[in-house]
Amino acid sequence: MSPMNETEDLLRTHAPQVLGALVRRYGHFDLAEDSVQEALLAAAGQWPAQGVPDNPRGWLIKVASRRLTDLLRADEARRRREETAAALTPRDAFTAPPPGEGRTPSEDDTLTLLFLCCHPELAPAAQVALTLRAVGGLTTAEIARAHLVPEATMAQRVARAKRRLRSIPFREPLPEDRDQRLAAVLQVLYLIFNEGYTATSGTELHRADLAGEAIRLTRRVRGLLPREGAVTGLLALMLLTEARGAARTGEHGELIPLDEQDRSRWDRRAVAEGSALVEEALRQGPAGPYQLQAAIAALHDEAPDADSTDWPQILALYDLLVRRTPEPAAALGRAVAVAMVHGPEAGLAEADALADRLAGYHRLDAVRAHLLERAGDGEGARAAYLLAAGRTLSVPEAEYLRKRAARILPRNPG
């Protein structure tokens, strides 16, 4: 790994710790986050050439604190806020360990930051953007590129989100709110992963940077909450899904469906880790949506070829999943499993029952097209493929769907 990559990894690891330390001491999330970003930029410019300091966390806190102090100096109430916050600050939060020692901080603020960035006061799009910037360490320009929006638009979104958080205290949610807030954090991480694994728009099918960042952050949360089955299940689901990434596209970026992929290109190390995590997640308590989706993904990944897939077991897991989540996407997945077990006509009946809940959703049209093709209705399948192609904003998906439509030979009028 190059010095630049090592520095980037180190900065992303320390960024939430440093931001948490500043917010815990000074408050002012928006100004603290700006100060940390400046400290990260300074480190990225100096460390590759001058070497990483003995205590990188302490170095970043010092530089960011200096910048934040400059920003607050003109504020008459600064001293009062600092004194109030200092009374709540752990004694060792701002002390650096002796050279050569790597003392673990008494508090890891990553989870607290995630709870703050995913606060219910913020819209989902703002939660995602703020999580990627404040916890993931991505710049506003990087986040804007990942979401295919102008940098100025993303900067405004992040700025509005930070302003909304000014009056919200930096602390973990109350016990009675914790499960709901943790669910929001996991949902944001899952949204980030899904946007990376299958981009909803643009010319790229897969954005490895977003998918990788979601996995990294979920690993971090699992390190803090190792016995939470939902967290373990979500990490397993991400690993098992991302393991297929290299086989999902052809030489020219074209989409390759699961049953046609070259499974020798799947990441078997990720499959093994994800499968082990599934077993652990299912032992950690009642199976929720992430654990069940991960178990389904494991059955796909562990099959040596498409024909060996255990569809009856997958259908049984989908039966459980649709009872535990209202998401219509789960019901659509079940419709495919029904078709694989009981035939395309049975799957079509399940898919058609979702027409009101998934009106205008291109993946419903794509599933119907596939099942109509299997049932022998070529004209219906071609129309459904073209309808799905017209509704998706993803260029690779649209091209794939049009090619599927084009390969269906028209019925001979004679």
Protein backbone atom coordinates (compact mmCIF):
# COMPACT_ATOMS: atom_id res chain seq x y z
CA MET A 1 0.00 0.00 0.00
CA SER A 2 1.35 3.43 -0.95
CA PRO A 3 2.03 6.12 1.70
CA MET A 4 -0.88 8.14 0.28
CA ASN A 5 -3.31 5.23 0.63
CA GLU A 6 -2.02 4.47 4.13
CA THR A 7 -2.59 8.10 5.09
CA GLU A 8 -6.13 8.07 3.68
CA ASP A 9 -7.00 4.92 5.64
CA LEU A 10 -5.53 6.38 8.83
CA LEU A 11 -7.40 9.65 8.42
CA ARG A 12 -10.73 7.91 7.84
CA THR A 13 -10.17 5.84 10.97
CA HIS A 14 -9.44 8.86 13.15
CA ALA A 15 -11.86 11.38 11.61
CA PRO A 16 -14.95 10.43 13.69
CA GLN A 17 -12.84 10.24 16.86
CA VAL A 18 -11.50 13.74 16.32
CA LEU A 19 -14.87 15.22 15.39
CA GLY A 20 -16.49 13.57 18.39
CA ALA A 21 -13.82 14.96 20.69
CA LEU A 22 -14.33 18.49 19.39
CA VAL A 23 -18.13 18.38 19.49
CA ARG A 24 -18.07 16.86 22.95
CA ARG A 25 -15.86 19.71 24.21
CA TYR A 26 -17.02 22.73 22.22
CA GLY A 27 -20.42 21.87 20.76
CA HIS A 28 -20.97 23.65 17.41
CA PHE A 29 -21.20 20.56 15.21
CA ASP A 30 -21.10 22.60 12.02
CA LEU A 31 -17.96 24.59 12.92
CA ALA A 32 -16.29 21.55 14.46
CA GLU A 33 -16.88 19.51 11.33
CA ASP A 34 -15.40 22.27 9.15
CA SER A 35 -12.37 22.43 11.45
CA VAL A 36 -11.83 18.68 11.30
CA GLN A 37 -12.02 18.76 7.51
CA GLU A 38 -9.28 21.39 7.46
CA ALA A 39 -7.15 19.30 9.80
CA LEU A 40 -7.64 16.25 7.57
CA LEU A 41 -6.60 18.26 4.52
CA ALA A 42 -3.50 19.50 6.35
CA ALA A 43 -2.57 15.94 7.34
CA ALA A 44 -3.14 14.64 3.81
CA GLY A 45 -0.71 17.27 2.55
CA GLN A 46 1.98 16.80 5.21
CA TRP A 47 2.01 13.19 6.39
CA PRO A 48 2.94 11.40 3.14
CA ALA A 49 6.08 13.53 2.83
CA GLN A 50 6.96 14.23 6.49
CA GLY A 51 5.79 10.99 8.06
CA VAL A 52 2.87 10.15 10.33
CA PRO A 53 3.20 11.66 13.84
CA ASP A 54 3.60 9.33 16.82
CA ASN A 55 0.09 10.20 17.97
CA PRO A 56 -1.95 10.98 14.83
CA ARG A 57 -5.21 11.37 16.75
CA GLY A 58 -3.63 13.91 19.10
CA TRP A 59 -2.10 15.78 16.15
CA LEU A 60 -5.47 16.04 14.40
CA ILE A 61 -7.25 17.13 17.59
CA LYS A 62 -4.62 19.82 18.19
CA VAL A 63 -4.82 21.23 14.65
CA ALA A 64 -8.61 21.05 14.49
CA SER A 65 -8.99 22.58 17.96
CA ARG A 66 -6.73 25.46 16.99
CA ARG A 67 -8.84 26.15 13.92
CA LEU A 68 -12.09 25.87 15.86
CA THR A 69 -10.77 28.17 18.58
CA ASP A 70 -9.99 30.76 15.92
CA LEU A 71 -13.55 30.50 14.64
CA LEU A 72 -15.02 30.88 18.12
CA ARG A 73 -12.69 33.58 19.46
CA ALA A 74 -14.99 36.44 18.50
CA ASP A 75 -17.95 34.85 20.23
CA GLU A 76 -18.52 36.45 23.66
CA ALA A 77 -20.14 33.31 25.03
CA ARG A 78 -17.31 30.98 24.00
CA ARG A 79 -15.76 30.64 27.45
CA ARG A 80 -19.09 29.80 29.06
CA ARG A 81 -19.80 27.08 26.52
CA GLU A 82 -16.32 25.59 26.89
CA GLU A 83 -16.59 25.49 30.67
CA THR A 84 -19.99 23.84 30.54
CA ALA A 85 -18.85 21.24 28.02
CA ALA A 86 -15.57 20.60 29.84
CA ALA A 87 -17.46 19.49 32.93
CA LEU A 88 -18.99 16.72 30.85
CA THR A 89 -15.77 15.71 29.07
CA PRO A 90 -13.93 12.51 30.12
CA ARG A 91 -10.65 13.39 31.84
CA ASP A 92 -8.46 11.70 29.24
CA ALA A 93 -10.40 12.71 26.13
CA PHE A 94 -7.83 15.29 25.05
CA THR A 95 -4.61 13.85 26.42
CA ALA A 96 -2.16 12.18 24.09
CA PRO A 97 -0.48 8.92 25.08
CA PRO A 98 3.31 8.84 25.52
CA PRO A 99 5.29 8.35 22.28
CA GLY A 100 5.10 4.80 21.05
CA GLU A 101 1.97 3.91 22.98
CA GLY A 102 -1.36 3.37 21.25
CA ARG A 103 -3.83 3.79 24.08
CA THR A 104 -7.40 3.09 23.03
CA PRO A 105 -9.61 6.11 23.80
CA SER A 106 -11.94 5.60 26.74
CA GLU A 107 -14.86 6.48 24.47
CA ASP A 108 -15.35 5.79 20.79
CA ASP A 109 -17.55 8.56 19.43
CA THR A 110 -18.19 6.88 16.08
CA LEU A 111 -21.55 5.47 17.12
CA THR A 112 -22.61 8.73 18.77
CA LEU A 113 -21.71 10.57 15.57
CA LEU A 114 -23.71 8.10 13.50
CA PHE A 115 -26.73 8.59 15.76
CA LEU A 116 -26.35 12.35 15.32
CA CYS A 117 -25.91 12.20 11.53
CA CYS A 118 -28.96 9.92 11.26
CA HIS A 119 -31.12 12.03 13.55
CA PRO A 120 -34.84 11.90 12.67
CA GLU A 121 -34.82 15.69 12.23
CA LEU A 122 -32.93 15.14 8.95
CA ALA A 123 -34.28 13.88 5.64
CA PRO A 124 -32.85 10.54 4.43
CA ALA A 125 -30.77 12.19 1.69
CA ALA A 126 -29.25 14.55 4.25
CA GLN A 127 -28.55 11.67 6.63
CA VAL A 128 -26.63 9.84 3.92
CA ALA A 129 -24.63 12.90 2.88
CA LEU A 130 -23.74 13.90 6.42
CA THR A 131 -22.77 10.34 7.37
CA LEU A 132 -20.42 10.08 4.41
CA ARG A 133 -18.80 13.42 5.22
CA ALA A 134 -18.65 13.46 9.03
CA VAL A 135 -18.11 9.75 9.71
CA GLY A 136 -16.83 8.45 6.40
CA GLY A 137 -14.38 11.28 5.85
CA LEU A 138 -15.37 11.87 2.21
CA THR A 139 -15.15 15.39 0.86
CA THR A 140 -18.22 17.19 -0.40
CA ALA A 141 -16.88 16.87 -3.95
CA GLU A 142 -16.51 13.08 -3.58
CA ILE A 143 -20.04 12.72 -2.21
CA ALA A 144 -21.42 14.90 -5.01
CA ARG A 145 -19.68 12.80 -7.67
CA ALA A 146 -21.01 9.59 -6.10
CA HIS A 147 -24.58 10.93 -6.22
CA LEU A 148 -24.23 12.59 -9.64
CA VAL A 149 -25.19 16.05 -8.39
CA PRO A 150 -23.26 19.34 -8.61
CA GLU A 151 -20.84 19.97 -5.76
CA ALA A 152 -22.66 23.21 -4.90
CA THR A 153 -25.93 21.29 -4.50
CA MET A 154 -24.31 18.75 -2.19
CA ALA A 155 -22.58 21.53 -0.21
CA GLN A 156 -25.95 23.18 0.39
CA ARG A 157 -27.46 19.85 1.47
CA VAL A 158 -24.66 19.24 3.97
CA ALA A 159 -24.77 22.82 5.25
CA ARG A 160 -28.52 22.65 5.85
CA ALA A 161 -28.12 19.37 7.68
CA LYS A 162 -25.42 20.78 9.95
CA ARG A 163 -27.55 23.80 10.76
CA ARG A 164 -30.44 21.52 11.76
CA LEU A 165 -28.15 19.78 14.25
CA ARG A 166 -26.96 22.92 16.07
CA SER A 167 -29.44 22.59 18.92
CA ILE A 168 -29.20 18.79 19.26
CA PRO A 169 -26.95 17.59 22.11
CA PHE A 170 -24.02 15.31 21.30
CA ARG A 171 -24.97 12.14 23.13
CA GLU A 172 -26.30 8.68 22.48
CA PRO A 173 -30.10 8.40 22.40
CA LEU A 174 -32.04 7.55 25.51
CA PRO A 175 -32.47 3.80 26.17
CA GLU A 176 -36.10 3.85 25.11
CA ASP A 177 -35.15 5.43 21.76
CA ARG A 178 -31.97 3.48 21.09
CA ASP A 179 -33.39 0.58 19.06
CA GLN A 180 -35.31 2.89 16.74
CA ARG A 181 -32.32 5.18 16.27
CA LEU A 182 -29.98 2.24 15.63
CA ALA A 183 -32.41 1.00 13.01
CA ALA A 184 -32.14 4.41 11.30
CA VAL A 185 -28.33 4.20 11.34
CA LEU A 186 -28.38 0.74 9.76
CA GLN A 187 -30.91 1.88 7.16
CA VAL A 188 -28.62 4.76 6.15
CA LEU A 189 -25.63 2.41 5.86
CA TYR A 190 -27.74 0.03 3.77
CA LEU A 191 -28.86 2.89 1.51
CA ILE A 192 -25.22 3.88 0.96
CA PHE A 193 -24.30 0.29 0.13
CA ASN A 194 -27.21 -0.21 -2.28
CA GLU A 195 -26.42 2.99 -4.13
CA GLY A 196 -22.85 1.76 -4.50
CA TYR A 197 -23.69 -1.80 -5.50
CA THR A 198 -26.41 -0.90 -8.02
CA ALA A 199 -26.39 2.78 -8.85
CA THR A 200 -29.90 4.11 -9.37
CA SER A 201 -28.80 6.44 -12.17
CA GLY A 202 -25.90 7.24 -14.45
CA THR A 203 -23.55 5.26 -16.70
CA GLU A 204 -21.90 3.14 -13.98
CA LEU A 205 -23.63 0.07 -12.60
CA HIS A 206 -21.30 -0.30 -9.62
CA ARG A 207 -19.68 2.43 -7.49
CA ALA A 208 -17.08 0.54 -5.52
CA ASP A 209 -16.15 3.57 -3.42
CA LEU A 210 -19.65 3.87 -1.93
CA ALA A 211 -20.12 0.13 -1.43
CA GLY A 212 -16.69 -0.13 0.19
CA GLU A 213 -17.36 2.82 2.47
CA ALA A 214 -20.64 1.31 3.62
CA ILE A 215 -18.88 -1.95 4.46
CA ARG A 216 -16.10 -0.12 6.31
CA LEU A 217 -18.56 1.88 8.41
CA THR A 218 -20.67 -1.19 9.15
CA ARG A 219 -17.54 -3.04 10.29
CA ARG A 220 -16.88 -0.11 12.59
CA VAL A 221 -20.38 -0.27 14.07
CA ARG A 222 -20.08 -4.02 14.55
CA GLY A 223 -16.80 -3.48 16.40
CA LEU A 224 -18.73 -1.27 18.82
CA LEU A 225 -21.85 -3.48 18.97
CA PRO A 226 -20.57 -7.02 18.37
CA ARG A 227 -23.61 -8.74 19.86
CA GLU A 228 -26.28 -6.88 17.87
CA GLY A 229 -27.75 -9.42 15.44
CA ALA A 230 -29.02 -6.75 13.05
CA VAL A 231 -25.55 -5.20 12.74
CA THR A 232 -23.90 -8.58 12.19
CA GLY A 233 -26.59 -9.51 9.68
CA LEU A 234 -26.19 -6.27 7.75
CA LEU A 235 -22.42 -6.71 7.47
CA ALA A 236 -22.94 -10.30 6.30
CA LEU A 237 -25.47 -9.16 3.69
CA MET A 238 -23.10 -6.52 2.34
CA LEU A 239 -20.14 -8.90 2.12
CA LEU A 240 -22.12 -11.68 0.46
CA THR A 241 -23.60 -9.26 -2.07
CA GLU A 242 -20.39 -7.38 -2.84
CA ALA A 243 -18.58 -10.72 -3.26
CA ARG A 244 -20.27 -11.06 -6.68
CA GLY A 245 -19.19 -7.60 -7.83
CA ALA A 246 -16.44 -8.62 -10.24
CA ALA A 247 -18.76 -10.99 -12.14
CA ARG A 248 -21.74 -8.61 -12.47
CA THR A 249 -20.43 -6.77 -15.52
CA GLY A 250 -18.84 -7.85 -18.79
CA GLU A 251 -15.86 -6.52 -20.67
CA HIS A 252 -17.72 -3.40 -21.78
CA GLY A 253 -19.57 -2.73 -18.52
CA GLU A 254 -22.72 -4.59 -19.55
CA LEU A 255 -24.85 -6.12 -16.81
CA ILE A 256 -24.65 -9.91 -16.30
CA PRO A 257 -27.57 -11.41 -14.29
CA LEU A 258 -26.90 -13.67 -11.33
CA ASP A 259 -27.76 -16.94 -13.06
CA GLU A 260 -25.32 -16.21 -15.92
CA GLN A 261 -22.34 -15.02 -13.87
CA ASP A 262 -18.95 -16.75 -13.85
CA ARG A 263 -18.88 -17.85 -10.23
CA SER A 264 -15.14 -18.45 -10.32
CA ARG A 265 -14.83 -14.65 -10.27
CA TRP A 266 -16.73 -14.32 -7.00
CA ASP A 267 -14.68 -13.31 -3.97
CA ARG A 268 -14.65 -16.58 -2.03
CA ARG A 269 -12.95 -15.02 0.98
CA ALA A 270 -15.82 -12.54 1.31
CA VAL A 271 -18.33 -15.37 0.82
CA ALA A 272 -16.71 -17.40 3.62
CA GLU A 273 -16.65 -14.41 5.98
CA GLY A 274 -20.24 -13.46 5.15
CA SER A 275 -21.51 -17.02 5.61
CA ALA A 276 -19.83 -17.27 9.01
CA LEU A 277 -21.38 -13.95 10.02
CA VAL A 278 -24.82 -15.20 8.97
CA GLU A 279 -24.53 -18.13 11.36
CA GLU A 280 -23.38 -15.79 14.12
CA ALA A 281 -26.17 -13.30 13.43
CA LEU A 282 -28.84 -15.99 13.61
CA ARG A 283 -27.50 -17.04 17.02
CA GLN A 284 -27.67 -13.48 18.35
CA GLY A 285 -31.43 -13.28 18.65
CA PRO A 286 -34.65 -13.33 16.63
CA ALA A 287 -33.97 -13.09 12.90
CA GLY A 288 -34.81 -9.67 11.53
CA PRO A 289 -34.80 -8.44 7.91
CA TYR A 290 -31.01 -8.06 7.60
CA GLN A 291 -30.31 -11.52 9.02
CA LEU A 292 -32.90 -13.11 6.70
CA GLN A 293 -31.67 -11.28 3.61
CA ALA A 294 -28.12 -12.32 4.48
CA ALA A 295 -29.21 -15.96 4.83
CA ILE A 296 -30.82 -15.75 1.37
CA ALA A 297 -27.64 -14.24 -0.08
CA ALA A 298 -25.58 -17.02 1.51
CA LEU A 299 -27.69 -19.70 -0.18
CA HIS A 300 -27.07 -18.02 -3.55
CA ASP A 301 -23.33 -17.61 -2.95
CA GLU A 302 -22.76 -21.12 -1.60
CA ALA A 303 -24.39 -22.83 -4.61
CA PRO A 304 -21.69 -24.08 -7.04
CA ASP A 305 -23.89 -23.13 -10.02
CA ALA A 306 -27.29 -21.58 -10.68
CA ASP A 307 -29.02 -24.95 -11.11
CA SER A 308 -27.86 -26.03 -7.63
CA THR A 309 -29.49 -23.09 -5.85
CA ASP A 310 -31.71 -24.22 -2.97
CA TRP A 311 -34.82 -22.35 -4.07
CA PRO A 312 -37.23 -24.09 -1.65
CA GLN A 313 -35.10 -22.93 1.28
CA ILE A 314 -34.85 -19.43 -0.21
CA LEU A 315 -38.65 -19.32 -0.54
CA ALA A 316 -39.03 -20.39 3.09
CA LEU A 317 -36.74 -17.53 4.14
CA TYR A 318 -38.70 -15.06 2.00
CA ASP A 319 -41.90 -16.25 3.68
CA LEU A 320 -40.35 -15.21 6.99
CA LEU A 321 -38.98 -11.97 5.56
CA VAL A 322 -42.28 -10.66 4.22
CA ARG A 323 -43.82 -11.21 7.65
CA ARG A 324 -41.13 -9.08 9.29
CA THR A 325 -40.89 -6.16 6.88
CA PRO A 326 -43.50 -4.13 4.98
CA GLU A 327 -41.03 -3.39 2.17
CA PRO A 328 -42.61 -4.36 -1.17
CA ALA A 329 -39.13 -5.17 -2.53
CA ALA A 330 -39.09 -8.19 -0.21
CA ALA A 331 -42.41 -9.35 -1.65
CA LEU A 332 -41.00 -8.92 -5.17
CA GLY A 333 -38.04 -11.11 -4.27
CA ARG A 334 -40.46 -13.68 -2.93
CA ALA A 335 -42.36 -13.64 -6.23
CA VAL A 336 -39.16 -14.71 -8.02
CA ALA A 337 -38.63 -17.51 -5.47
CA VAL A 338 -42.22 -18.66 -5.94
CA ALA A 339 -41.63 -18.84 -9.70
CA MET A 340 -38.47 -20.89 -9.24
CA VAL A 341 -40.25 -23.37 -6.97
CA HIS A 342 -43.82 -23.49 -8.35
CA GLY A 343 -43.42 -22.23 -11.92
CA PRO A 344 -43.52 -18.85 -13.74
CA GLU A 345 -47.31 -18.58 -13.73
CA ALA A 346 -47.39 -18.76 -9.91
CA GLY A 347 -44.64 -16.15 -9.72
CA LEU A 348 -46.50 -13.87 -12.12
CA ALA A 349 -49.59 -14.01 -9.93
CA GLU A 350 -47.48 -12.90 -6.94
CA ALA A 351 -45.83 -10.11 -8.97
CA ASP A 352 -49.13 -8.86 -10.38
CA ALA A 353 -50.51 -8.59 -6.84
CA LEU A 354 -47.82 -5.94 -6.20
CA ALA A 355 -48.89 -3.69 -9.07
CA ASP A 356 -50.43 -1.02 -6.84
CA ARG A 357 -47.61 -0.99 -4.28
CA LEU A 358 -44.86 -0.88 -6.94
CA ALA A 359 -46.54 1.16 -9.66
CA GLY A 360 -43.93 2.66 -11.96
CA TYR A 361 -41.05 0.69 -10.41
CA HIS A 362 -38.86 -0.65 -13.19
CA ARG A 363 -37.79 -3.77 -11.29
CA LEU A 364 -41.39 -5.00 -11.09
CA ASP A 365 -41.61 -4.64 -14.87
CA ALA A 366 -38.27 -6.45 -15.26
CA VAL A 367 -39.38 -9.35 -13.05
CA ARG A 368 -42.67 -9.63 -14.93
CA ALA A 369 -40.76 -9.61 -18.23
CA HIS A 370 -38.48 -12.43 -17.09
CA LEU A 371 -41.39 -14.53 -15.85
CA LEU A 372 -43.47 -13.87 -18.97
CA GLU A 373 -40.51 -14.98 -21.08
CA ARG A 374 -40.19 -18.19 -19.06
CA ALA A 375 -43.92 -18.78 -19.41
CA GLY A 376 -43.67 -18.52 -23.21
CA ASP A 377 -45.38 -15.14 -23.65
CA GLY A 378 -42.78 -13.53 -25.90
CA GLU A 379 -44.80 -10.46 -26.88
CA GLY A 380 -45.75 -9.72 -23.29
CA ALA A 381 -42.17 -10.21 -22.16
CA ARG A 382 -40.79 -7.88 -24.87
CA ALA A 383 -43.25 -5.15 -23.92
CA ALA A 384 -42.44 -5.50 -20.22
CA TYR A 385 -38.68 -5.41 -20.88
CA LEU A 386 -39.03 -2.21 -22.90
CA LEU A 387 -41.29 -0.67 -20.26
CA ALA A 388 -38.68 -1.44 -17.57
CA ALA A 389 -35.90 -0.04 -19.75
CA GLY A 390 -37.79 3.21 -20.17
CA ARG A 391 -38.36 3.57 -16.45
CA THR A 392 -34.85 2.95 -15.08
CA LEU A 393 -32.36 5.82 -14.82
CA SER A 394 -29.41 3.41 -14.90
CA VAL A 395 -27.80 3.25 -18.34
CA PRO A 396 -26.36 -0.30 -17.92
CA GLU A 397 -29.70 -1.63 -16.69
CA ALA A 398 -31.57 0.02 -19.57
CA GLU A 399 -29.16 -1.42 -22.14
CA TYR A 400 -29.46 -4.91 -20.63
CA LEU A 401 -33.27 -4.78 -20.65
CA ARG A 402 -33.39 -3.59 -24.27
CA LYS A 403 -31.08 -6.42 -25.32
CA ARG A 404 -33.33 -8.93 -23.56
CA ALA A 405 -36.30 -7.50 -25.46
CA ALA A 406 -34.43 -7.55 -28.77
CA ARG A 407 -33.48 -11.22 -28.52
CA ILE A 408 -37.14 -12.34 -28.29
CA LEU A 409 -38.16 -13.26 -31.82
CA PRO A 410 -41.51 -11.86 -32.95
CA ARG A 411 -44.30 -14.35 -33.49
CA ASN A 412 -44.65 -15.57 -37.06
CA PRO A 413 -47.92 -14.00 -38.37
CA GLY A 414 -48.52 -17.02 -40.61
